[in-house]
Amino acid sequence: MKDFAGEGASHNGLRSGFIAVVGRPNVGKSTLVNRLVGEKVSITSPRPQTTRSPIRGVRNGKNYQAVFVDTPGSQKPRDTLRARMQEQVVDSLSGSDIVLFLLDAKQAAEGIGIGDRYVARLVADSGTPAMVCLNKMDLLGKPNQVLPVIQAVSELGDWREIFQISASDGTNVDSLMEAVVRLLPPGPQYFPEGTVTDYPESLILAEYIREKALNALREEIPHAVMVEVDEVERKENVTVVYAIIHVERSTQRMIVLGKGGKTIKKIGTEARRDVERLLGSKIYLDLKVKVSPGWRSDKKFLERLGL
């Protein structure tokens, strides 16, 4: 953990730091990061394990700069990809100034699971100041379920505060942001004013395409899908993005393509809208589907894709 204590004068009163957002898969980390940053920096999907590498979103305010790190869902590694994802979670915890530990309030009301306890231990071991966010409070049916959940969560660690939030509709997110700013140490301006994310353009484009693929495909496909942007060619009136959707088996390739190319066309159409907003120009999206057997355990492949 970085320590900027006593350096306030050299930073002209600026408070800054990195805030790791951690939790089990599908608890709403990416939705919360997007809400806190005020821009879409992380893709979201109802599928678990959507985020595969830490994505940093920057929020600038009066006398502060908060850098939120959206981490992969914490889980037991089963292949090289998941092992790397887990390493990234641990690295993000140790390299941050604050941790936001997210739990699904509805699931927590049914009992704190092994997965949440595992993440809580990781947070405790990091020694970083941490706050709990009970997310999806809008889905918690009975108000009398809240107190037992808060009591159970309190016993998991030494938390600075516990917030009841809904990342999807913004409930209590402003109060959470105020608490984050209070905890930020004096520090430098890590990113220039106006920066929303430091994620490379090619990786953002790939993530936007993967988001649309995740939402369009059936249950057995999502984890076998990876998107690689091969080239971005800027022409006078259009930007051409050449991208490859990698899958592990030929049967998956047929599903991604869809009957008569219907599914791949839908993915391309929906992704193009997001990409045009990002680049601010007209886009031509050239999408291909390639079978790359066992890519999730291929170290060279994962390194090439920044994982």
Protein backbone atom coordinates (compact mmCIF):
# COMPACT_ATOMS: atom_id res chain seq x y z
CA MET A 1 0.00 0.00 0.00
CA LYS A 2 1.30 3.43 -0.89
CA ASP A 3 1.80 5.91 1.94
CA PHE A 4 1.52 9.60 1.15
CA ALA A 5 1.19 10.68 4.78
CA GLY A 6 2.83 14.02 5.46
CA GLU A 7 3.12 14.92 1.77
CA GLY A 8 0.03 17.12 1.60
CA ALA A 9 1.95 20.35 1.08
CA SER A 10 3.88 18.99 -1.88
CA HIS A 11 0.64 17.99 -3.56
CA ASN A 12 -1.14 21.33 -3.03
CA GLY A 13 -3.85 19.81 -0.84
CA LEU A 14 -4.79 17.14 -3.42
CA ARG A 15 -6.03 13.82 -2.12
CA SER A 16 -5.62 10.85 -4.41
CA GLY A 17 -5.38 7.10 -4.43
CA PHE A 18 -6.35 3.74 -5.85
CA ILE A 19 -9.54 2.03 -4.72
CA ALA A 20 -9.78 -1.71 -5.39
CA VAL A 21 -13.34 -2.94 -5.93
CA VAL A 22 -13.42 -6.65 -5.03
CA GLY A 23 -15.93 -9.42 -4.51
CA ARG A 24 -17.18 -12.72 -5.85
CA PRO A 25 -18.24 -13.02 -9.50
CA ASN A 26 -21.46 -11.26 -10.47
CA VAL A 27 -21.92 -9.09 -7.36
CA GLY A 28 -22.00 -5.87 -9.42
CA LYS A 29 -18.40 -4.60 -9.29
CA SER A 30 -18.32 -3.30 -12.87
CA THR A 31 -21.72 -1.61 -12.50
CA LEU A 32 -20.52 0.13 -9.33
CA VAL A 33 -17.25 1.29 -10.94
CA ASN A 34 -19.15 2.74 -13.88
CA ARG A 35 -21.55 4.48 -11.49
CA LEU A 36 -18.72 5.94 -9.34
CA VAL A 37 -16.67 7.10 -12.33
CA GLY A 38 -19.72 8.48 -14.13
CA GLU A 39 -18.72 6.86 -17.42
CA LYS A 40 -18.80 3.35 -18.86
CA VAL A 41 -15.27 2.03 -18.31
CA SER A 42 -16.12 -1.62 -17.53
CA ILE A 43 -18.35 -3.94 -19.50
CA THR A 44 -21.30 -5.45 -17.68
CA SER A 45 -23.21 -8.66 -18.20
CA PRO A 46 -25.48 -10.94 -16.17
CA ARG A 47 -22.86 -13.66 -16.81
CA PRO A 48 -20.41 -14.28 -13.95
CA GLN A 49 -16.70 -13.54 -14.48
CA THR A 50 -17.28 -10.83 -17.06
CA THR A 51 -14.21 -8.83 -15.97
CA ARG A 52 -10.99 -10.70 -16.76
CA SER A 53 -8.33 -8.11 -15.94
CA PRO A 54 -8.22 -5.03 -13.69
CA ILE A 55 -9.72 -1.96 -15.37
CA ARG A 56 -9.03 1.46 -13.90
CA GLY A 57 -11.59 4.24 -13.99
CA VAL A 58 -10.67 7.78 -12.93
CA ARG A 59 -12.92 10.27 -11.15
CA ASN A 60 -11.70 13.82 -10.66
CA GLY A 61 -13.35 16.10 -8.12
CA LYS A 62 -12.60 19.21 -6.12
CA ASN A 63 -9.15 18.57 -4.60
CA TYR A 64 -9.21 14.81 -5.24
CA GLN A 65 -8.52 12.15 -7.85
CA ALA A 66 -9.96 8.69 -7.17
CA VAL A 67 -8.79 5.78 -9.32
CA PHE A 68 -11.20 2.85 -9.08
CA VAL A 69 -9.83 -0.58 -9.97
CA ASP A 70 -12.48 -3.01 -11.22
CA THR A 71 -11.07 -6.46 -10.43
CA PRO A 72 -12.05 -9.92 -11.73
CA GLY A 73 -14.45 -11.91 -9.59
CA SER A 74 -12.52 -13.70 -6.86
CA GLN A 75 -12.74 -17.49 -7.17
CA LYS A 76 -10.79 -20.74 -7.00
CA PRO A 77 -8.50 -20.99 -10.07
CA ARG A 78 -9.33 -23.85 -12.45
CA ASP A 79 -7.16 -22.95 -15.43
CA THR A 80 -4.35 -20.54 -16.35
CA LEU A 81 -6.79 -17.73 -17.15
CA ARG A 82 -8.54 -17.95 -13.77
CA ALA A 83 -5.21 -18.33 -11.95
CA ARG A 84 -4.01 -15.08 -13.54
CA MET A 85 -7.29 -13.37 -12.70
CA GLN A 86 -6.86 -14.37 -9.06
CA GLU A 87 -3.25 -13.11 -9.00
CA GLN A 88 -4.52 -9.78 -10.34
CA VAL A 89 -7.05 -9.52 -7.50
CA VAL A 90 -4.33 -10.02 -4.87
CA ASP A 91 -2.01 -7.55 -6.63
CA SER A 92 -4.80 -4.95 -6.79
CA LEU A 93 -5.46 -5.32 -3.06
CA SER A 94 -1.82 -4.83 -2.08
CA GLY A 95 -1.36 -1.90 -4.47
CA SER A 96 -4.42 0.07 -3.36
CA ASP A 97 -5.11 2.69 -0.71
CA ILE A 98 -8.73 1.68 -0.09
CA VAL A 99 -10.76 -1.48 -0.70
CA LEU A 100 -14.48 -1.66 -1.45
CA PHE A 101 -15.66 -5.20 -0.68
CA LEU A 102 -18.93 -5.93 -2.49
CA LEU A 103 -21.47 -8.54 -1.48
CA ASP A 104 -24.82 -9.41 -3.00
CA ALA A 105 -27.27 -8.37 -0.24
CA LYS A 106 -29.92 -10.87 -1.28
CA GLN A 107 -27.46 -13.78 -1.28
CA ALA A 108 -25.94 -12.58 2.01
CA ALA A 109 -29.42 -12.61 3.58
CA GLU A 110 -29.55 -16.34 2.86
CA GLY A 111 -26.19 -16.81 4.59
CA ILE A 112 -22.62 -15.62 4.08
CA GLY A 113 -21.08 -18.16 1.72
CA ILE A 114 -17.60 -19.69 1.53
CA GLY A 115 -16.73 -17.45 -1.45
CA ASP A 116 -17.51 -14.22 0.44
CA ARG A 117 -15.55 -15.42 3.46
CA TYR A 118 -12.60 -16.18 1.20
CA VAL A 119 -12.63 -12.66 -0.27
CA ALA A 120 -13.00 -11.17 3.23
CA ARG A 121 -9.82 -13.00 4.28
CA LEU A 122 -7.95 -11.71 1.23
CA VAL A 123 -9.01 -8.16 2.13
CA ALA A 124 -8.01 -8.60 5.78
CA ASP A 125 -4.63 -10.05 4.81
CA SER A 126 -3.92 -7.04 2.56
CA GLY A 127 -4.01 -4.68 5.56
CA THR A 128 -5.65 -2.00 3.38
CA PRO A 129 -8.47 0.16 4.87
CA ALA A 130 -11.71 -1.40 3.66
CA MET A 131 -15.42 -0.63 3.44
CA VAL A 132 -18.21 -3.11 2.77
CA CYS A 133 -20.86 -2.44 0.15
CA LEU A 134 -24.02 -4.54 0.45
CA ASN A 135 -25.12 -4.24 -3.17
CA LYS A 136 -28.47 -4.95 -4.85
CA MET A 137 -30.40 -3.71 -1.81
CA ASP A 138 -33.29 -2.99 -4.17
CA LEU A 139 -33.70 -6.77 -4.60
CA LEU A 140 -33.85 -7.49 -0.87
CA GLY A 141 -37.50 -8.27 -0.24
CA LYS A 142 -37.98 -7.70 3.50
CA PRO A 143 -36.50 -4.75 5.44
CA ASN A 144 -36.16 -6.93 8.55
CA GLN A 145 -33.52 -9.00 6.70
CA VAL A 146 -31.06 -6.10 6.73
CA LEU A 147 -29.92 -6.09 10.38
CA PRO A 148 -28.91 -9.79 10.51
CA VAL A 149 -26.94 -9.32 7.27
CA ILE A 150 -25.10 -6.28 8.64
CA GLN A 151 -24.33 -8.22 11.84
CA ALA A 152 -22.97 -11.19 9.86
CA VAL A 153 -20.86 -8.97 7.61
CA SER A 154 -19.49 -7.05 10.60
CA GLU A 155 -18.03 -10.29 11.92
CA LEU A 156 -16.08 -10.91 8.71
CA GLY A 157 -13.53 -8.15 9.29
CA ASP A 158 -12.59 -4.75 10.66
CA TRP A 159 -14.51 -2.48 8.27
CA ARG A 160 -14.33 1.31 8.28
CA GLU A 161 -18.00 1.51 7.24
CA ILE A 162 -20.78 -0.68 5.85
CA PHE A 163 -22.93 0.77 3.08
CA GLN A 164 -26.27 -0.46 1.80
CA ILE A 165 -26.29 0.42 -1.90
CA SER A 166 -27.73 -0.33 -5.30
CA ALA A 167 -25.13 0.19 -8.01
CA SER A 168 -27.77 -0.22 -10.71
CA ASP A 169 -30.05 2.62 -9.54
CA GLY A 170 -27.47 4.66 -7.60
CA THR A 171 -28.95 4.33 -4.11
CA ASN A 172 -26.43 5.55 -1.47
CA VAL A 173 -23.60 5.65 -4.04
CA ASP A 174 -23.07 9.39 -3.44
CA SER A 175 -22.63 8.73 0.29
CA LEU A 176 -20.17 5.95 -0.52
CA MET A 177 -18.21 8.31 -2.77
CA GLU A 178 -18.01 10.91 0.01
CA ALA A 179 -16.62 8.25 2.37
CA VAL A 180 -14.03 7.22 -0.23
CA VAL A 181 -12.85 10.82 -0.62
CA ARG A 182 -12.52 11.17 3.18
CA LEU A 183 -10.23 8.12 3.26
CA LEU A 184 -8.01 9.20 0.35
CA PRO A 185 -4.48 10.11 1.46
CA PRO A 186 -2.67 13.25 0.26
CA GLY A 187 -1.15 12.36 -3.09
CA PRO A 188 -0.26 13.36 -6.64
CA GLN A 189 -2.46 13.68 -9.71
CA TYR A 190 -1.86 10.28 -11.28
CA PHE A 191 -3.72 11.01 -14.53
CA PRO A 192 -4.29 14.20 -16.55
CA GLU A 193 -7.60 16.05 -16.08
CA GLY A 194 -10.26 14.52 -18.33
CA THR A 195 -8.85 10.98 -18.20
CA VAL A 196 -11.60 8.43 -17.60
CA THR A 197 -9.57 5.23 -17.96
CA ASP A 198 -6.00 4.20 -18.70
CA TYR A 199 -7.14 1.04 -20.47
CA PRO A 200 -5.60 0.94 -24.00
CA GLU A 201 -8.04 1.76 -26.80
CA SER A 202 -7.64 -1.64 -28.48
CA LEU A 203 -8.52 -3.46 -25.25
CA ILE A 204 -11.55 -1.25 -24.63
CA LEU A 205 -12.78 -1.96 -28.15
CA ALA A 206 -12.26 -5.69 -27.60
CA GLU A 207 -14.16 -5.55 -24.30
CA TYR A 208 -17.12 -3.73 -25.88
CA ILE A 209 -17.36 -6.45 -28.52
CA ARG A 210 -17.04 -9.20 -25.89
CA GLU A 211 -19.82 -7.61 -23.84
CA LYS A 212 -22.23 -7.83 -26.78
CA ALA A 213 -21.12 -11.41 -27.47
CA LEU A 214 -21.73 -12.41 -23.84
CA ASN A 215 -25.21 -10.94 -23.96
CA ALA A 216 -26.06 -12.63 -27.26
CA LEU A 217 -24.80 -16.13 -26.56
CA ARG A 218 -26.25 -19.04 -24.66
CA GLU A 219 -24.98 -20.34 -21.32
CA GLU A 220 -22.28 -22.77 -22.46
CA ILE A 221 -20.36 -20.33 -24.64
CA PRO A 222 -19.43 -17.12 -22.71
CA HIS A 223 -16.33 -18.31 -20.84
CA ALA A 224 -14.89 -19.78 -24.06
CA VAL A 225 -15.06 -16.39 -25.82
CA MET A 226 -12.20 -13.90 -26.08
CA VAL A 227 -11.99 -10.92 -28.41
CA GLU A 228 -8.79 -9.60 -29.98
CA VAL A 229 -8.59 -6.33 -31.90
CA ASP A 230 -6.16 -7.01 -34.72
CA GLU A 231 -5.98 -3.51 -36.19
CA VAL A 232 -7.63 -0.08 -36.04
CA GLU A 233 -7.39 1.71 -39.37
CA ARG A 234 -8.42 5.36 -39.47
CA LYS A 235 -9.59 6.55 -42.89
CA GLU A 236 -10.95 9.93 -43.93
CA ASN A 237 -14.64 9.27 -43.25
CA VAL A 238 -14.59 6.01 -41.27
CA THR A 239 -12.55 4.07 -38.71
CA VAL A 240 -12.20 0.39 -39.57
CA VAL A 241 -11.83 -1.98 -36.61
CA TYR A 242 -10.63 -5.49 -37.45
CA ALA A 243 -11.45 -7.89 -34.62
CA ILE A 244 -11.30 -11.63 -34.00
CA ILE A 245 -13.66 -13.51 -31.70
CA HIS A 246 -11.75 -16.53 -30.39
CA VAL A 247 -13.60 -19.67 -29.27
CA GLU A 248 -12.30 -23.09 -28.24
CA ARG A 249 -14.30 -25.46 -30.46
CA SER A 250 -15.74 -25.50 -33.98
CA THR A 251 -19.25 -26.08 -32.59
CA GLN A 252 -18.87 -22.84 -30.60
CA ARG A 253 -17.81 -21.03 -33.76
CA MET A 254 -21.07 -22.08 -35.45
CA ILE A 255 -23.07 -20.81 -32.47
CA VAL A 256 -21.27 -17.42 -32.49
CA LEU A 257 -21.88 -17.09 -36.22
CA GLY A 258 -25.54 -18.12 -35.92
CA LYS A 259 -27.85 -19.29 -38.67
CA GLY A 260 -27.03 -17.35 -41.80
CA GLY A 261 -24.61 -15.19 -39.79
CA LYS A 262 -27.49 -13.72 -37.78
CA THR A 263 -25.79 -13.82 -34.34
CA ILE A 264 -22.45 -12.37 -35.41
CA LYS A 265 -24.30 -9.61 -37.24
CA LYS A 266 -26.25 -8.76 -34.08
CA ILE A 267 -23.05 -8.69 -32.01
CA GLY A 268 -21.39 -6.42 -34.57
CA THR A 269 -24.33 -4.02 -34.84
CA GLU A 270 -24.66 -3.57 -31.07
CA ALA A 271 -20.90 -3.29 -30.50
CA ARG A 272 -20.54 -0.72 -33.26
CA ARG A 273 -22.89 1.69 -31.45
CA ASP A 274 -20.72 1.65 -28.31
CA VAL A 275 -17.49 1.91 -30.30
CA GLU A 276 -18.81 4.90 -32.27
CA ARG A 277 -19.63 6.66 -29.00
CA LEU A 278 -16.13 5.90 -27.71
CA LEU A 279 -14.20 7.01 -30.79
CA GLY A 280 -16.59 9.75 -31.86
CA SER A 281 -16.47 8.67 -35.50
CA LYS A 282 -18.26 6.42 -37.97
CA ILE A 283 -17.17 2.79 -37.55
CA TYR A 284 -16.90 -0.19 -39.83
CA LEU A 285 -16.50 -3.32 -37.71
CA ASP A 286 -14.87 -6.29 -39.42
CA LEU A 287 -15.57 -9.32 -37.19
CA LYS A 288 -14.19 -12.82 -37.71
CA VAL A 289 -14.60 -15.94 -35.56
CA LYS A 290 -11.57 -18.18 -35.05
CA VAL A 291 -11.21 -21.53 -33.27
CA SER A 292 -8.27 -21.34 -30.82
CA PRO A 293 -8.33 -24.63 -28.87
CA GLY A 294 -7.44 -24.37 -25.18
CA TRP A 295 -6.70 -20.64 -25.26
CA ARG A 296 -7.62 -20.28 -21.57
CA SER A 297 -4.54 -22.34 -20.63
CA ASP A 298 -2.23 -20.93 -23.32
CA LYS A 299 0.19 -18.58 -21.53
CA LYS A 300 1.53 -16.98 -24.72
CA PHE A 301 -1.99 -16.33 -26.00
CA LEU A 302 -3.05 -14.77 -22.70
CA GLU A 303 0.05 -12.54 -22.61
CA ARG A 304 -0.63 -11.37 -26.16
CA LEU A 305 -4.11 -10.32 -25.10
CA GLY A 306 -2.83 -8.47 -22.04
CA LEU A 307 -3.93 -11.07 -19.49
